[in-house]
Structures are given as C-alpha cells and as structure tokens.
Amino acid sequence: MSQYELSVSVETRYLPEQSDPDSRQYAFAYTLNIRNTGRRGSIDLTPLDHHGQ
C-alpha cells in the first residue's frame, strides 16, 4: 500500500427543476466521496470552485 492513497467515488444527479431542456440548459449535482486509504493519517484537501477559489 502506498503512503498516500485515495479512493474517490462520484454520484451524479440531474436537477430537472433547475434545467431548461428547450434552451439546452441542464443542471446537475455531484456528490464526491474521498476516502484516505493510504498509510498516512491525514491529507489536506481544499475544495475549489470552477474559478479555482
């Protein structure tokens, strides 16, 4: 096993109430699960938006 190792899973949900298919606009929500499976006790993860902030 590596010193740093992560397991990542993603769940995607379509949001029909926020979508407008007639205008070709679609909204989705994502749930990410990140699990530390390596030998280190912790890893610092900073979530960023699409602007890198």
C-alpha atoms as a PDB file:
ATOM      1  CA  MET A   1       0.000   0.000   0.000  1.00  0.00           C
ATOM      2  CA  SER A   2       1.254   3.480  -0.868  1.00  0.00           C
ATOM      3  CA  GLN A   3       1.933   6.118   1.756  1.00  0.00           C
ATOM      4  CA  TYR A   4      -0.623   8.397   0.033  1.00  0.00           C
ATOM      5  CA  GLU A   5      -3.609   6.668  -1.492  1.00  0.00           C
ATOM      6  CA  LEU A   6      -7.160   7.870  -2.069  1.00  0.00           C
ATOM      7  CA  SER A   7     -10.378   6.203  -3.113  1.00  0.00           C
ATOM      8  CA  VAL A   8     -12.801   8.502  -4.935  1.00  0.00           C
ATOM      9  CA  SER A   9     -16.421   7.875  -5.910  1.00  0.00           C
ATOM     10  CA  VAL A  10     -18.847  10.270  -7.615  1.00  0.00           C
ATOM     11  CA  GLU A  11     -22.644  10.291  -7.657  1.00  0.00           C
ATOM     12  CA  THR A  12     -24.382  12.462 -10.277  1.00  0.00           C
ATOM     13  CA  ARG A  13     -27.974  13.690 -10.057  1.00  0.00           C
ATOM     14  CA  TYR A  14     -29.916  15.506 -12.774  1.00  0.00           C
ATOM     15  CA  LEU A  15     -31.842  18.537 -11.442  1.00  0.00           C
ATOM     16  CA  PRO A  16     -34.936  18.895 -13.628  1.00  0.00           C
ATOM     17  CA  GLU A  17     -36.311  21.844 -11.595  1.00  0.00           C
ATOM     18  CA  GLN A  18     -33.187  23.870 -12.434  1.00  0.00           C
ATOM     19  CA  SER A  19     -32.884  22.693 -16.045  1.00  0.00           C
ATOM     20  CA  ASP A  20     -34.438  24.043 -19.236  1.00  0.00           C
ATOM     21  CA  PRO A  21     -34.092  21.433 -21.995  1.00  0.00           C
ATOM     22  CA  ASP A  22     -35.833  23.713 -24.522  1.00  0.00           C
ATOM     23  CA  SER A  23     -32.935  26.160 -24.077  1.00  0.00           C
ATOM     24  CA  ARG A  24     -30.419  23.281 -23.943  1.00  0.00           C
ATOM     25  CA  GLN A  25     -29.524  24.144 -20.338  1.00  0.00           C
ATOM     26  CA  TYR A  26     -29.116  21.252 -17.943  1.00  0.00           C
ATOM     27  CA  ALA A  27     -28.237  21.306 -14.245  1.00  0.00           C
ATOM     28  CA  PHE A  28     -26.567  18.508 -12.324  1.00  0.00           C
ATOM     29  CA  ALA A  29     -25.474  17.993  -8.714  1.00  0.00           C
ATOM     30  CA  TYR A  30     -22.443  15.950  -7.789  1.00  0.00           C
ATOM     31  CA  THR A  31     -21.608  14.176  -4.550  1.00  0.00           C
ATOM     32  CA  LEU A  32     -17.955  13.262  -4.160  1.00  0.00           C
ATOM     33  CA  ASN A  33     -16.724  10.807  -1.567  1.00  0.00           C
ATOM     34  CA  ILE A  34     -12.990  10.898  -0.952  1.00  0.00           C
ATOM     35  CA  ARG A  35     -11.545   8.278   1.353  1.00  0.00           C
ATOM     36  CA  ASN A  36      -7.992   8.103   2.633  1.00  0.00           C
ATOM     37  CA  THR A  37      -6.874   4.502   2.130  1.00  0.00           C
ATOM     38  CA  GLY A  38      -3.136   5.095   2.495  1.00  0.00           C
ATOM     39  CA  ARG A  39      -0.835   4.757   5.473  1.00  0.00           C
ATOM     40  CA  ARG A  40      -0.708   8.473   6.321  1.00  0.00           C
ATOM     41  CA  GLY A  41      -3.136   9.649   8.995  1.00  0.00           C
ATOM     42  CA  SER A  42      -4.447  12.667   7.127  1.00  0.00           C
ATOM     43  CA  ILE A  43      -4.249  14.533   3.852  1.00  0.00           C
ATOM     44  CA  ASP A  44      -5.176  18.210   3.470  1.00  0.00           C
ATOM     45  CA  LEU A  45      -7.766  18.621   0.708  1.00  0.00           C
ATOM     46  CA  THR A  46      -9.099  22.043  -0.172  1.00  0.00           C
ATOM     47  CA  PRO A  47     -12.235  22.058  -2.325  1.00  0.00           C
ATOM     48  CA  LEU A  48     -12.171  24.657  -5.124  1.00  0.00           C
ATOM     49  CA  ASP A  49     -14.910  26.015  -7.319  1.00  0.00           C
ATOM     50  CA  HIS A  50     -14.638  26.367 -11.091  1.00  0.00           C
ATOM     51  CA  HIS A  51     -12.757  29.662 -10.574  1.00  0.00           C
ATOM     52  CA  GLY A  52     -10.047  27.915  -8.546  1.00  0.00           C
ATOM     53  CA  GLN A  53     -11.146  29.656  -5.342  1.00  0.00           C
END
